[in-house]
C-alpha atoms as a PDB file:
ATOM      1  CA  MET A   1       0.000   0.000   0.000  1.00  0.00           C
ATOM      2  CA  LYS A   2       1.319   3.426  -0.996  1.00  0.00           C
ATOM      3  CA  LYS A   3       1.921   5.853   1.846  1.00  0.00           C
ATOM      4  CA  SER A   4       0.653   9.405   1.468  1.00  0.00           C
ATOM      5  CA  TYR A   5       1.991  12.562   3.045  1.00  0.00           C
ATOM      6  CA  TRP A   6       0.154  15.517   4.533  1.00  0.00           C
ATOM      7  CA  LEU A   7       0.564  18.752   6.426  1.00  0.00           C
ATOM      8  CA  ILE A   8      -1.761  19.548   9.332  1.00  0.00           C
ATOM      9  CA  LYS A   9      -1.895  22.950  10.981  1.00  0.00           C
ATOM     10  CA  SER A  10      -2.571  24.034  14.510  1.00  0.00           C
ATOM     11  CA  GLU A  11      -2.350  27.355  16.258  1.00  0.00           C
ATOM     12  CA  PRO A  12       0.138  26.953  19.139  1.00  0.00           C
ATOM     13  CA  GLY A  13      -2.462  28.323  21.583  1.00  0.00           C
ATOM     14  CA  THR A  14      -5.045  25.741  20.462  1.00  0.00           C
ATOM     15  CA  TRP A  15      -2.879  22.595  20.276  1.00  0.00           C
ATOM     16  CA  SER A  16       0.890  22.902  20.463  1.00  0.00           C
ATOM     17  CA  TRP A  17       3.699  20.635  19.340  1.00  0.00           C
ATOM     18  CA  ASP A  18       4.770  20.368  22.987  1.00  0.00           C
ATOM     19  CA  GLN A  19       1.299  19.072  23.879  1.00  0.00           C
ATOM     20  CA  GLN A  20       1.461  16.608  20.983  1.00  0.00           C
ATOM     21  CA  LYS A  21       4.855  15.297  22.149  1.00  0.00           C
ATOM     22  CA  LYS A  22       3.593  14.952  25.722  1.00  0.00           C
ATOM     23  CA  ASP A  23       0.288  13.240  24.894  1.00  0.00           C
ATOM     24  CA  LYS A  24       1.745  11.200  21.975  1.00  0.00           C
ATOM     25  CA  THR A  25      -1.662  10.471  20.369  1.00  0.00           C
ATOM     26  CA  THR A  26      -4.580  12.826  19.863  1.00  0.00           C
ATOM     27  CA  HIS A  27      -7.609  13.180  17.649  1.00  0.00           C
ATOM     28  CA  TRP A  28      -7.369  15.868  14.970  1.00  0.00           C
ATOM     29  CA  ASP A  29     -10.769  17.487  15.391  1.00  0.00           C
ATOM     30  CA  GLY A  30     -12.388  20.840  14.714  1.00  0.00           C
ATOM     31  CA  VAL A  31     -11.859  20.874  10.941  1.00  0.00           C
ATOM     32  CA  ARG A  32     -14.803  22.731   9.365  1.00  0.00           C
ATOM     33  CA  ASN A  33     -13.589  23.326   5.819  1.00  0.00           C
ATOM     34  CA  TYR A  34     -14.846  20.857   3.202  1.00  0.00           C
ATOM     35  CA  GLN A  35     -11.566  20.668   1.277  1.00  0.00           C
ATOM     36  CA  ALA A  36      -9.594  20.043   4.489  1.00  0.00           C
ATOM     37  CA  SER A  37     -12.229  17.522   5.567  1.00  0.00           C
ATOM     38  CA  ASN A  38     -11.901  15.665   2.261  1.00  0.00           C
ATOM     39  CA  ASN A  39      -8.147  15.508   2.883  1.00  0.00           C
ATOM     40  CA  LEU A  40      -8.817  13.982   6.325  1.00  0.00           C
ATOM     41  CA  LYS A  41     -11.122  11.420   4.668  1.00  0.00           C
ATOM     42  CA  ALA A  42      -8.313  10.483   2.259  1.00  0.00           C
ATOM     43  CA  MET A  43      -5.814   9.788   5.062  1.00  0.00           C
ATOM     44  CA  LYS A  44      -4.925   6.169   5.699  1.00  0.00           C
ATOM     45  CA  LYS A  45      -3.395   4.518   8.739  1.00  0.00           C
ATOM     46  CA  GLY A  46       0.394   4.844   8.489  1.00  0.00           C
ATOM     47  CA  ASP A  47       0.350   8.052   6.422  1.00  0.00           C
ATOM     48  CA  GLU A  48       2.709  10.693   7.774  1.00  0.00           C
ATOM     49  CA  CYS A  49       1.985  14.364   8.393  1.00  0.00           C
ATOM     50  CA  PHE A  50       4.067  17.416   9.035  1.00  0.00           C
ATOM     51  CA  PHE A  51       2.809  19.187  12.150  1.00  0.00           C
ATOM     52  CA  TYR A  52       2.760  22.904  11.386  1.00  0.00           C
ATOM     53  CA  HIS A  53       2.350  25.796  13.813  1.00  0.00           C
ATOM     54  CA  SER A  54       0.382  28.573  12.147  1.00  0.00           C
ATOM     55  CA  VAL A  55      -0.179  32.209  13.133  1.00  0.00           C
ATOM     56  CA  SER A  56       2.861  33.492  15.055  1.00  0.00           C
ATOM     57  CA  GLU A  57       5.405  30.707  14.434  1.00  0.00           C
ATOM     58  CA  ARG A  58       4.597  29.645  10.864  1.00  0.00           C
ATOM     59  CA  SER A  59       6.917  26.645  10.879  1.00  0.00           C
ATOM     60  CA  ILE A  60       6.964  22.862  10.643  1.00  0.00           C
ATOM     61  CA  LYS A  61       7.664  21.433  14.097  1.00  0.00           C
ATOM     62  CA  GLY A  62       7.744  17.684  13.525  1.00  0.00           C
ATOM     63  CA  ILE A  63       6.114  14.553  12.159  1.00  0.00           C
ATOM     64  CA  VAL A  64       3.030  12.645  13.271  1.00  0.00           C
ATOM     65  CA  LYS A  65       1.492   9.555  11.694  1.00  0.00           C
ATOM     66  CA  VAL A  66      -2.151   8.673  11.177  1.00  0.00           C
ATOM     67  CA  THR A  67      -3.115   5.945  13.644  1.00  0.00           C
ATOM     68  CA  LYS A  68      -6.908   5.959  13.222  1.00  0.00           C
ATOM     69  CA  GLU A  69      -8.724   6.742   9.998  1.00  0.00           C
ATOM     70  CA  TYR A  70     -11.607   9.188   9.569  1.00  0.00           C
ATOM     71  CA  TYR A  71     -14.489   8.916  12.038  1.00  0.00           C
ATOM     72  CA  PRO A  72     -17.225  11.302  13.306  1.00  0.00           C
ATOM     73  CA  ASP A  73     -16.092  14.447  15.150  1.00  0.00           C
ATOM     74  CA  PRO A  74     -18.192  14.784  18.327  1.00  0.00           C
ATOM     75  CA  THR A  75     -17.382  18.526  18.489  1.00  0.00           C
ATOM     76  CA  ASP A  76     -19.468  19.067  15.312  1.00  0.00           C
ATOM     77  CA  PRO A  77     -23.089  19.708  16.385  1.00  0.00           C
ATOM     78  CA  LYS A  78     -24.371  19.102  12.826  1.00  0.00           C
ATOM     79  CA  ALA A  79     -22.436  15.819  12.443  1.00  0.00           C
ATOM     80  CA  ARG A  80     -21.061  16.823   9.015  1.00  0.00           C
ATOM     81  CA  PHE A  81     -17.362  16.596   9.803  1.00  0.00           C
ATOM     82  CA  GLY A  82     -14.973  13.970  11.078  1.00  0.00           C
ATOM     83  CA  MET A  83     -11.475  13.561  12.426  1.00  0.00           C
ATOM     84  CA  VAL A  84      -8.476  11.233  12.467  1.00  0.00           C
ATOM     85  CA  ASP A  85      -6.078  10.239  15.231  1.00  0.00           C
ATOM     86  CA  VAL A  86      -2.407  11.144  14.919  1.00  0.00           C
ATOM     87  CA  THR A  87       0.587   9.955  16.945  1.00  0.00           C
ATOM     88  CA  TYR A  88       3.902  11.698  17.555  1.00  0.00           C
ATOM     89  CA  VAL A  89       6.803  10.340  15.484  1.00  0.00           C
ATOM     90  CA  LYS A  90       9.634  12.854  15.931  1.00  0.00           C
ATOM     91  CA  SER A  91      10.555  16.504  16.186  1.00  0.00           C
ATOM     92  CA  LEU A  92      12.299  18.297  13.348  1.00  0.00           C
ATOM     93  CA  PRO A  93      14.475  21.375  13.393  1.00  0.00           C
ATOM     94  CA  ASN A  94      12.030  24.082  12.336  1.00  0.00           C
ATOM     95  CA  VAL A  95      11.444  24.708   8.644  1.00  0.00           C
ATOM     96  CA  THR A  96       9.712  28.071   8.355  1.00  0.00           C
ATOM     97  CA  LEU A  97       7.114  29.244   5.888  1.00  0.00           C
ATOM     98  CA  ASP A  98       9.556  31.962   4.806  1.00  0.00           C
ATOM     99  CA  GLN A  99      12.179  29.321   3.925  1.00  0.00           C
ATOM    100  CA  ILE A 100       9.592  27.399   1.917  1.00  0.00           C
ATOM    101  CA  LYS A 101       8.360  30.523   0.100  1.00  0.00           C
ATOM    102  CA  GLU A 102      11.947  31.495  -0.814  1.00  0.00           C
ATOM    103  CA  ASP A 103      12.394  28.269  -2.800  1.00  0.00           C
ATOM    104  CA  PRO A 104      10.733  28.241  -6.268  1.00  0.00           C
ATOM    105  CA  PHE A 105      10.480  24.439  -5.927  1.00  0.00           C
ATOM    106  CA  PHE A 106       7.509  25.039  -3.609  1.00  0.00           C
ATOM    107  CA  ASP A 107       5.546  27.424  -5.871  1.00  0.00           C
ATOM    108  CA  ASP A 108       2.843  24.749  -6.330  1.00  0.00           C
ATOM    109  CA  PHE A 109       2.824  23.652  -2.669  1.00  0.00           C
ATOM    110  CA  SER A 110      -0.599  24.063  -1.004  1.00  0.00           C
ATOM    111  CA  LEU A 111       1.039  25.770   1.970  1.00  0.00           C
ATOM    112  CA  VAL A 112       2.092  28.567  -0.386  1.00  0.00           C
ATOM    113  CA  LYS A 113      -0.943  28.557  -2.714  1.00  0.00           C
ATOM    114  CA  GLN A 114      -3.735  27.924  -0.169  1.00  0.00           C
ATOM    115  CA  SER A 115      -2.181  29.193   3.018  1.00  0.00           C
ATOM    116  CA  ARG A 116      -5.426  29.069   5.030  1.00  0.00           C
ATOM    117  CA  LEU A 117      -6.129  25.377   4.346  1.00  0.00           C
ATOM    118  CA  SER A 118      -5.651  23.444   7.601  1.00  0.00           C
ATOM    119  CA  VAL A 119      -5.108  19.934   6.170  1.00  0.00           C
ATOM    120  CA  MET A 120      -3.285  19.565   2.864  1.00  0.00           C
ATOM    121  CA  PRO A 121      -1.509  16.949   0.774  1.00  0.00           C
ATOM    122  CA  VAL A 122       2.266  16.944   0.415  1.00  0.00           C
ATOM    123  CA  THR A 123       3.903  15.217  -2.553  1.00  0.00           C
ATOM    124  CA  LEU A 124       6.711  12.749  -1.927  1.00  0.00           C
ATOM    125  CA  LYS A 125       9.210  15.140  -3.543  1.00  0.00           C
ATOM    126  CA  GLN A 126       7.988  18.036  -1.332  1.00  0.00           C
ATOM    127  CA  TRP A 127       8.187  15.782   1.734  1.00  0.00           C
ATOM    128  CA  GLN A 128      11.737  14.709   0.906  1.00  0.00           C
ATOM    129  CA  LYS A 129      12.866  18.285   0.244  1.00  0.00           C
ATOM    130  CA  ILE A 130      11.431  19.547   3.561  1.00  0.00           C
ATOM    131  CA  ILE A 131      13.103  16.668   5.424  1.00  0.00           C
ATOM    132  CA  LYS A 132      16.379  17.644   3.755  1.00  0.00           C
ATOM    133  CA  MET A 133      15.858  21.331   4.664  1.00  0.00           C
ATOM    134  CA  SER A 134      15.270  20.377   8.300  1.00  0.00           C
ATOM    135  CA  SER A 135      18.615  18.592   8.476  1.00  0.00           C
ATOM    136  CA  GLN A 136      20.686  21.492   7.170  1.00  0.00           C
END
């Protein structure tokens, strides 16, 4: 089975990378955008996600993996949206949005093109390049 890659965003004041590391596994709830929700629906167990801090930090903090596929989100009163569970894998040295935007390689990256989208796909080549950037 082919693994897919994703980027999920959280505001540090809502759910931080430090909380994710401490709790290890959490449900990724509260998504209320249909495109982001469709991305959650497409996630499969074992897929990996960059964990991104939005707003003030605007940087990739680490990697989580999908450990439970899409299921109903109890925080949605209309029962239209769902969530997945993600588990901490490892921290990464920060890769900032500015670093990503400076590289023309990422011109088609959803993080650059659709900056408000909270759950987005990452191609294998984008994933590999960001991993490389984090190790420099």
